[in-house]
Amino acid sequence: MPTPAAPNETLTVYFDGSCPLCTAEINHYKRQKGAERLNFVDVSQEGANPGPDLSPRDAMRRFHVRRADGALVYGARGFVAIWQVLPRWRWAARIGSLPGVPTVMEVGYRLFLPVRPLLSKIASRLGARPANECGCGC
């Protein structure tokens, strides 16, 4: 498991802005105390470049966070990294960092990924809106 994020570390969060569910979650994080330490990058935008070690397509398929040292963490560990810098979410980060918990969270996240399009459509019907329309039909 990667070392915990320092509470004052700046993270880059890659997200799919064409997904209403993803956008709703990111908008929630943006409103949190400590969000100034999160740099949000919508990888569904034309010309998005998350770096040489991460394609926009891969960044849209799975949640990725870049640490200040350049290291990528993804999936459940990406969420834990975000929670570590948001004061109101540190309790979740502590739980998510307990031995064995990251593995269980990752299994849950992998089970979630195939149903994300359906949940995103439901979120859209409930009023969630994407940050942008990618035109990909997702």
N, C-alpha and C. Protein backbone atom coordinates (compact mmCIF):
# COMPACT_ATOMS: atom_id res chain seq x y z
N MET A 1 0.85 -1.19 0.00
CA MET A 1 0.00 0.00 0.00
C MET A 1 0.88 1.23 0.00
N PRO A 2 0.55 2.25 -0.82
CA PRO A 2 1.35 3.46 -0.84
C PRO A 2 1.29 4.18 0.50
N THR A 3 2.30 4.99 0.75
CA THR A 3 2.30 5.76 1.98
C THR A 3 1.11 6.71 1.99
N PRO A 4 0.57 7.01 3.18
CA PRO A 4 -0.58 7.90 3.25
C PRO A 4 -0.24 9.29 2.73
N ALA A 5 -1.24 9.94 2.16
CA ALA A 5 -1.07 11.33 1.72
C ALA A 5 -0.96 12.22 2.96
N ALA A 6 -0.07 13.17 2.88
CA ALA A 6 0.03 14.15 3.96
C ALA A 6 -1.18 15.06 3.89
N PRO A 7 -1.70 15.50 5.04
CA PRO A 7 -2.89 16.36 5.03
C PRO A 7 -2.71 17.64 4.20
N ASN A 8 -1.46 18.08 3.98
CA ASN A 8 -1.24 19.31 3.21
C ASN A 8 -0.74 19.01 1.79
N GLU A 9 -0.74 17.73 1.40
CA GLU A 9 -0.29 17.34 0.06
C GLU A 9 -1.33 17.74 -0.97
N THR A 10 -0.87 18.20 -2.13
CA THR A 10 -1.76 18.50 -3.25
C THR A 10 -1.84 17.29 -4.15
N LEU A 11 -3.06 16.89 -4.49
CA LEU A 11 -3.30 15.74 -5.34
C LEU A 11 -3.97 16.19 -6.63
N THR A 12 -3.70 15.49 -7.71
CA THR A 12 -4.42 15.72 -8.96
C THR A 12 -5.40 14.57 -9.13
N VAL A 13 -6.66 14.91 -9.27
CA VAL A 13 -7.74 13.93 -9.36
C VAL A 13 -8.26 13.92 -10.79
N TYR A 14 -8.14 12.78 -11.45
CA TYR A 14 -8.63 12.63 -12.82
C TYR A 14 -10.03 12.02 -12.77
N PHE A 15 -10.97 12.66 -13.46
CA PHE A 15 -12.35 12.16 -13.42
C PHE A 15 -13.00 12.27 -14.79
N ASP A 16 -14.05 11.49 -14.97
CA ASP A 16 -14.83 11.47 -16.21
C ASP A 16 -15.96 12.48 -16.10
N GLY A 17 -15.74 13.66 -16.64
CA GLY A 17 -16.74 14.72 -16.58
C GLY A 17 -17.94 14.48 -17.47
N SER A 18 -17.89 13.47 -18.33
CA SER A 18 -19.05 13.13 -19.15
C SER A 18 -20.02 12.21 -18.41
N CYS A 19 -19.64 11.80 -17.22
CA CYS A 19 -20.45 10.89 -16.39
C CYS A 19 -21.17 11.71 -15.32
N PRO A 20 -22.51 11.74 -15.34
CA PRO A 20 -23.24 12.50 -14.32
C PRO A 20 -22.95 12.04 -12.89
N LEU A 21 -22.82 10.73 -12.69
CA LEU A 21 -22.54 10.21 -11.36
C LEU A 21 -21.15 10.66 -10.88
N CYS A 22 -20.16 10.55 -11.76
CA CYS A 22 -18.80 10.95 -11.42
C CYS A 22 -18.74 12.45 -11.13
N THR A 23 -19.41 13.24 -11.96
CA THR A 23 -19.42 14.69 -11.77
C THR A 23 -20.07 15.06 -10.45
N ALA A 24 -21.16 14.38 -10.09
CA ALA A 24 -21.83 14.65 -8.81
C ALA A 24 -20.88 14.38 -7.65
N GLU A 25 -20.14 13.27 -7.72
CA GLU A 25 -19.20 12.95 -6.65
C GLU A 25 -18.08 13.98 -6.58
N ILE A 26 -17.53 14.36 -7.72
CA ILE A 26 -16.45 15.34 -7.75
C ILE A 26 -16.96 16.69 -7.23
N ASN A 27 -18.17 17.07 -7.62
CA ASN A 27 -18.73 18.33 -7.11
C ASN A 27 -18.87 18.30 -5.59
N HIS A 28 -19.19 17.14 -5.05
CA HIS A 28 -19.25 17.00 -3.59
C HIS A 28 -17.87 17.26 -2.99
N TYR A 29 -16.85 16.62 -3.53
CA TYR A 29 -15.49 16.82 -3.01
C TYR A 29 -15.05 18.28 -3.16
N LYS A 30 -15.42 18.92 -4.25
CA LYS A 30 -15.03 20.32 -4.48
C LYS A 30 -15.58 21.26 -3.40
N ARG A 31 -16.70 20.89 -2.80
CA ARG A 31 -17.33 21.73 -1.77
C ARG A 31 -16.76 21.49 -0.38
N GLN A 32 -15.89 20.52 -0.23
CA GLN A 32 -15.36 20.16 1.09
C GLN A 32 -14.21 21.06 1.51
N LYS A 33 -14.12 21.28 2.81
CA LYS A 33 -12.96 21.96 3.36
C LYS A 33 -11.73 21.12 3.00
N GLY A 34 -10.68 21.76 2.52
CA GLY A 34 -9.47 21.06 2.10
C GLY A 34 -9.42 20.83 0.60
N ALA A 35 -10.52 21.10 -0.12
CA ALA A 35 -10.56 20.85 -1.56
C ALA A 35 -9.56 21.70 -2.33
N GLU A 36 -9.06 22.76 -1.72
CA GLU A 36 -8.05 23.57 -2.41
C GLU A 36 -6.77 22.78 -2.64
N ARG A 37 -6.63 21.64 -1.97
CA ARG A 37 -5.46 20.78 -2.16
C ARG A 37 -5.72 19.68 -3.20
N LEU A 38 -6.86 19.79 -3.87
CA LEU A 38 -7.21 18.83 -4.92
C LEU A 38 -7.32 19.57 -6.24
N ASN A 39 -6.55 19.12 -7.20
CA ASN A 39 -6.59 19.68 -8.54
C ASN A 39 -7.39 18.71 -9.41
N PHE A 40 -8.58 19.12 -9.83
CA PHE A 40 -9.47 18.24 -10.58
C PHE A 40 -9.25 18.41 -12.08
N VAL A 41 -9.06 17.29 -12.77
CA VAL A 41 -8.84 17.29 -14.21
C VAL A 41 -9.90 16.40 -14.87
N ASP A 42 -10.72 17.02 -15.70
CA ASP A 42 -11.76 16.30 -16.44
C ASP A 42 -11.11 15.67 -17.67
N VAL A 43 -10.90 14.36 -17.61
CA VAL A 43 -10.22 13.67 -18.70
C VAL A 43 -11.12 13.39 -19.89
N SER A 44 -12.41 13.74 -19.79
CA SER A 44 -13.30 13.59 -20.94
C SER A 44 -13.21 14.79 -21.87
N GLN A 45 -12.53 15.83 -21.45
CA GLN A 45 -12.35 17.03 -22.26
C GLN A 45 -11.42 16.74 -23.43
N GLU A 46 -11.73 17.31 -24.58
CA GLU A 46 -10.86 17.18 -25.75
C GLU A 46 -9.46 17.68 -25.39
N GLY A 47 -8.45 16.91 -25.72
CA GLY A 47 -7.07 17.31 -25.48
C GLY A 47 -6.57 17.06 -24.07
N ALA A 48 -7.36 16.40 -23.23
CA ALA A 48 -6.91 16.11 -21.86
C ALA A 48 -5.63 15.28 -21.92
N ASN A 49 -4.67 15.63 -21.09
CA ASN A 49 -3.39 14.92 -21.07
C ASN A 49 -3.00 14.65 -19.62
N PRO A 50 -3.39 13.48 -19.11
CA PRO A 50 -3.07 13.17 -17.71
C PRO A 50 -1.63 12.73 -17.47
N GLY A 51 -0.82 12.72 -18.52
CA GLY A 51 0.60 12.38 -18.35
C GLY A 51 1.00 11.19 -19.18
N PRO A 52 2.30 10.96 -19.30
CA PRO A 52 2.78 9.89 -20.17
C PRO A 52 2.45 8.48 -19.68
N ASP A 53 2.18 8.35 -18.40
CA ASP A 53 1.90 7.03 -17.83
C ASP A 53 0.42 6.74 -17.65
N LEU A 54 -0.44 7.61 -18.20
CA LEU A 54 -1.89 7.43 -18.06
C LEU A 54 -2.59 8.02 -19.27
N SER A 55 -3.28 7.19 -20.02
CA SER A 55 -4.02 7.69 -21.19
C SER A 55 -5.36 8.25 -20.72
N PRO A 56 -5.92 9.20 -21.45
CA PRO A 56 -7.26 9.69 -21.09
C PRO A 56 -8.28 8.55 -21.06
N ARG A 57 -8.17 7.61 -21.98
CA ARG A 57 -9.11 6.48 -22.01
C ARG A 57 -9.04 5.66 -20.72
N ASP A 58 -7.81 5.34 -20.28
CA ASP A 58 -7.66 4.59 -19.03
C ASP A 58 -8.14 5.40 -17.84
N ALA A 59 -7.89 6.71 -17.88
CA ALA A 59 -8.31 7.58 -16.78
C ALA A 59 -9.84 7.66 -16.70
N MET A 60 -10.52 7.52 -17.83
CA MET A 60 -11.98 7.55 -17.82
C MET A 60 -12.57 6.22 -17.37
N ARG A 61 -11.86 5.16 -17.56
CA ARG A 61 -12.36 3.83 -17.20
C ARG A 61 -12.30 3.57 -15.71
N ARG A 62 -11.34 4.20 -15.04
CA ARG A 62 -11.04 3.88 -13.65
C ARG A 62 -10.55 5.14 -12.97
N PHE A 63 -10.89 5.31 -11.72
CA PHE A 63 -10.54 6.49 -10.95
C PHE A 63 -9.03 6.53 -10.66
N HIS A 64 -8.37 7.65 -10.98
CA HIS A 64 -6.93 7.82 -10.76
C HIS A 64 -6.65 9.12 -10.03
N VAL A 65 -5.65 9.07 -9.17
CA VAL A 65 -5.18 10.24 -8.44
C VAL A 65 -3.65 10.26 -8.55
N ARG A 66 -3.10 11.44 -8.85
CA ARG A 66 -1.65 11.58 -8.91
C ARG A 66 -1.18 12.28 -7.65
N ARG A 67 -0.25 11.63 -6.97
CA ARG A 67 0.34 12.19 -5.75
C ARG A 67 1.31 13.32 -6.13
N ALA A 68 1.67 14.12 -5.17
CA ALA A 68 2.60 15.24 -5.39
C ALA A 68 3.94 14.75 -5.92
N ASP A 69 4.33 13.52 -5.55
CA ASP A 69 5.61 12.98 -6.03
C ASP A 69 5.50 12.37 -7.43
N GLY A 70 4.31 12.46 -8.06
CA GLY A 70 4.09 11.95 -9.40
C GLY A 70 3.54 10.54 -9.46
N ALA A 71 3.51 9.85 -8.33
CA ALA A 71 3.00 8.48 -8.31
C ALA A 71 1.49 8.46 -8.52
N LEU A 72 1.02 7.47 -9.27
CA LEU A 72 -0.41 7.29 -9.48
C LEU A 72 -0.95 6.27 -8.48
N VAL A 73 -2.10 6.58 -7.92
CA VAL A 73 -2.87 5.61 -7.15
C VAL A 73 -4.23 5.57 -7.82
N TYR A 74 -4.87 4.43 -7.80
CA TYR A 74 -6.11 4.30 -8.55
C TYR A 74 -7.08 3.38 -7.83
N GLY A 75 -8.31 3.42 -8.34
CA GLY A 75 -9.35 2.60 -7.73
C GLY A 75 -9.61 3.04 -6.30
N ALA A 76 -9.85 2.07 -5.43
CA ALA A 76 -10.17 2.35 -4.04
C ALA A 76 -9.06 3.15 -3.35
N ARG A 77 -7.81 2.86 -3.67
CA ARG A 77 -6.70 3.59 -3.04
C ARG A 77 -6.70 5.07 -3.45
N GLY A 78 -7.21 5.36 -4.63
CA GLY A 78 -7.35 6.75 -5.06
C GLY A 78 -8.34 7.51 -4.18
N PHE A 79 -9.44 6.85 -3.85
CA PHE A 79 -10.42 7.47 -2.96
C PHE A 79 -9.81 7.71 -1.58
N VAL A 80 -9.10 6.74 -1.07
CA VAL A 80 -8.47 6.89 0.24
C VAL A 80 -7.50 8.06 0.23
N ALA A 81 -6.75 8.22 -0.85
CA ALA A 81 -5.81 9.34 -0.95
C ALA A 81 -6.54 10.68 -0.86
N ILE A 82 -7.69 10.78 -1.52
CA ILE A 82 -8.49 12.01 -1.44
C ILE A 82 -8.99 12.22 -0.02
N TRP A 83 -9.52 11.17 0.57
CA TRP A 83 -10.07 11.29 1.92
C TRP A 83 -9.01 11.71 2.93
N GLN A 84 -7.77 11.35 2.69
CA GLN A 84 -6.69 11.71 3.62
C GLN A 84 -6.44 13.21 3.66
N VAL A 85 -6.77 13.94 2.60
CA VAL A 85 -6.53 15.38 2.60
C VAL A 85 -7.78 16.21 2.91
N LEU A 86 -8.93 15.56 2.97
CA LEU A 86 -10.17 16.27 3.30
C LEU A 86 -10.51 16.03 4.77
N PRO A 87 -10.45 17.07 5.60
CA PRO A 87 -10.65 16.87 7.04
C PRO A 87 -11.90 16.10 7.42
N ARG A 88 -13.03 16.34 6.78
CA ARG A 88 -14.27 15.65 7.13
C ARG A 88 -14.28 14.19 6.68
N TRP A 89 -13.33 13.80 5.87
CA TRP A 89 -13.28 12.44 5.35
C TRP A 89 -12.12 11.63 5.94
N ARG A 90 -11.36 12.21 6.83
CA ARG A 90 -10.20 11.48 7.37
C ARG A 90 -10.61 10.23 8.13
N TRP A 91 -11.79 10.22 8.73
CA TRP A 91 -12.26 9.01 9.41
C TRP A 91 -12.37 7.86 8.40
N ALA A 92 -12.87 8.16 7.19
CA ALA A 92 -12.99 7.12 6.15
C ALA A 92 -11.61 6.68 5.67
N ALA A 93 -10.68 7.64 5.59
CA ALA A 93 -9.31 7.30 5.19
C ALA A 93 -8.67 6.37 6.21
N ARG A 94 -8.91 6.63 7.50
CA ARG A 94 -8.35 5.75 8.53
C ARG A 94 -8.90 4.33 8.40
N ILE A 95 -10.20 4.22 8.18
CA ILE A 95 -10.80 2.90 8.00
C ILE A 95 -10.26 2.26 6.72
N GLY A 96 -10.19 3.04 5.65
CA GLY A 96 -9.72 2.53 4.37
C GLY A 96 -8.25 2.15 4.35
N SER A 97 -7.52 2.54 5.40
CA SER A 97 -6.10 2.23 5.49
C SER A 97 -5.80 1.05 6.42
N LEU A 98 -6.82 0.52 7.07
CA LEU A 98 -6.61 -0.63 7.96
C LEU A 98 -6.19 -1.85 7.15
N PRO A 99 -5.40 -2.74 7.74
CA PRO A 99 -4.97 -3.94 7.02
C PRO A 99 -6.16 -4.71 6.45
N GLY A 100 -6.07 -5.04 5.18
CA GLY A 100 -7.10 -5.81 4.50
C GLY A 100 -8.24 -5.00 3.92
N VAL A 101 -8.50 -3.82 4.48
CA VAL A 101 -9.63 -3.01 4.02
C VAL A 101 -9.42 -2.53 2.58
N PRO A 102 -8.22 -2.07 2.19
CA PRO A 102 -8.05 -1.64 0.79
C PRO A 102 -8.39 -2.75 -0.21
N THR A 103 -8.06 -3.97 0.11
CA THR A 103 -8.35 -5.08 -0.79
C THR A 103 -9.85 -5.29 -0.91
N VAL A 104 -10.56 -5.25 0.20
CA VAL A 104 -12.02 -5.40 0.18
C VAL A 104 -12.66 -4.24 -0.59
N MET A 105 -12.17 -3.02 -0.35
CA MET A 105 -12.69 -1.86 -1.07
C MET A 105 -12.44 -1.98 -2.57
N GLU A 106 -11.28 -2.48 -2.93
CA GLU A 106 -10.95 -2.63 -4.36
C GLU A 106 -11.87 -3.66 -5.02
N VAL A 107 -12.17 -4.74 -4.33
CA VAL A 107 -13.11 -5.74 -4.86
C VAL A 107 -14.46 -5.07 -5.09
N GLY A 108 -14.91 -4.30 -4.11
CA GLY A 108 -16.18 -3.58 -4.25
C GLY A 108 -16.16 -2.61 -5.41
N TYR A 109 -15.05 -1.90 -5.56
CA TYR A 109 -14.92 -0.93 -6.65
C TYR A 109 -14.96 -1.65 -8.01
N ARG A 110 -14.28 -2.78 -8.11
CA ARG A 110 -14.29 -3.54 -9.37
C ARG A 110 -15.67 -4.09 -9.70
N LEU A 111 -16.44 -4.42 -8.68
CA LEU A 111 -17.82 -4.85 -8.90
C LEU A 111 -18.70 -3.68 -9.33
N PHE A 112 -18.38 -2.49 -8.84
CA PHE A 112 -19.13 -1.28 -9.19
C PHE A 112 -18.89 -0.86 -10.64
N LEU A 113 -17.67 -1.00 -11.14
CA LEU A 113 -17.32 -0.48 -12.46
C LEU A 113 -18.25 -0.95 -13.59
N PRO A 114 -18.60 -2.22 -13.67
CA PRO A 114 -19.50 -2.63 -14.77
C PRO A 114 -20.91 -2.03 -14.68
N VAL A 115 -21.36 -1.67 -13.49
CA VAL A 115 -22.71 -1.11 -13.34
C VAL A 115 -22.69 0.42 -13.30
N ARG A 116 -21.50 1.02 -13.38
CA ARG A 116 -21.40 2.48 -13.37
C ARG A 116 -22.24 3.13 -14.46
N PRO A 117 -22.24 2.62 -15.72
CA PRO A 117 -23.08 3.27 -16.74
C PRO A 117 -24.57 3.28 -16.37
N LEU A 118 -25.06 2.19 -15.82
CA LEU A 118 -26.46 2.14 -15.41
C LEU A 118 -26.72 3.11 -14.26
N LEU A 119 -25.84 3.12 -13.27
CA LEU A 119 -26.01 4.04 -12.13
C LEU A 119 -25.90 5.49 -12.58
N SER A 120 -25.05 5.74 -13.57
CA SER A 120 -24.91 7.09 -14.10
C SER A 120 -26.20 7.54 -14.78
N LYS A 121 -26.85 6.62 -15.51
CA LYS A 121 -28.13 6.95 -16.15
C LYS A 121 -29.20 7.23 -15.10
N ILE A 122 -29.19 6.45 -14.04
CA ILE A 122 -30.15 6.68 -12.95
C ILE A 122 -29.87 8.04 -12.30
N ALA A 123 -28.61 8.33 -12.05
CA ALA A 123 -28.25 9.62 -11.45
C ALA A 123 -28.69 10.76 -12.35
N SER A 124 -28.54 10.59 -13.65
CA SER A 124 -28.97 11.61 -14.61
C SER A 124 -30.48 11.83 -14.54
N ARG A 125 -31.23 10.76 -14.43
CA ARG A 125 -32.69 10.88 -14.32
C ARG A 125 -33.10 11.55 -13.01
N LEU A 126 -32.24 11.43 -12.00
CA LEU A 126 -32.51 12.06 -10.70
C LEU A 126 -32.01 13.50 -10.65
N GLY A 127 -31.44 13.98 -11.75
CA GLY A 127 -31.03 15.38 -11.82
C GLY A 127 -29.54 15.64 -11.88
N ALA A 128 -28.71 14.63 -11.75
CA ALA A 128 -27.26 14.83 -11.85
C ALA A 128 -26.92 15.16 -13.31
N ARG A 129 -26.01 16.07 -13.49
CA ARG A 129 -25.60 16.49 -14.82
C ARG A 129 -24.09 16.33 -14.98
N PRO A 130 -23.68 15.94 -16.19
CA PRO A 130 -22.24 15.83 -16.43
C PRO A 130 -21.61 17.22 -16.50
N ALA A 131 -20.30 17.29 -16.27
CA ALA A 131 -19.57 18.55 -16.41
C ALA A 131 -19.53 18.96 -17.87
N ASN A 132 -19.54 17.98 -18.77
CA ASN A 132 -19.55 18.25 -20.20
C ASN A 132 -20.14 17.04 -20.92
N GLU A 133 -20.46 17.23 -22.15
CA GLU A 133 -20.97 16.14 -22.99
C GLU A 133 -19.85 15.70 -23.90
N CYS A 134 -19.42 14.46 -23.79
CA CYS A 134 -18.31 13.98 -24.60
C CYS A 134 -18.77 13.48 -25.97
N GLY A 135 -20.05 13.22 -26.10
CA GLY A 135 -20.56 12.73 -27.38
C GLY A 135 -20.25 11.28 -27.65
N CYS A 136 -19.81 10.55 -26.64
CA CYS A 136 -19.44 9.15 -26.85
C CYS A 136 -20.61 8.21 -26.59
N GLY A 137 -21.74 8.74 -26.17
CA GLY A 137 -22.90 7.89 -25.93
C GLY A 137 -22.91 7.18 -24.60
N CYS A 138 -22.03 7.59 -23.70
CA CYS A 138 -21.97 6.92 -22.39
C CYS A 138 -23.00 7.46 -21.42
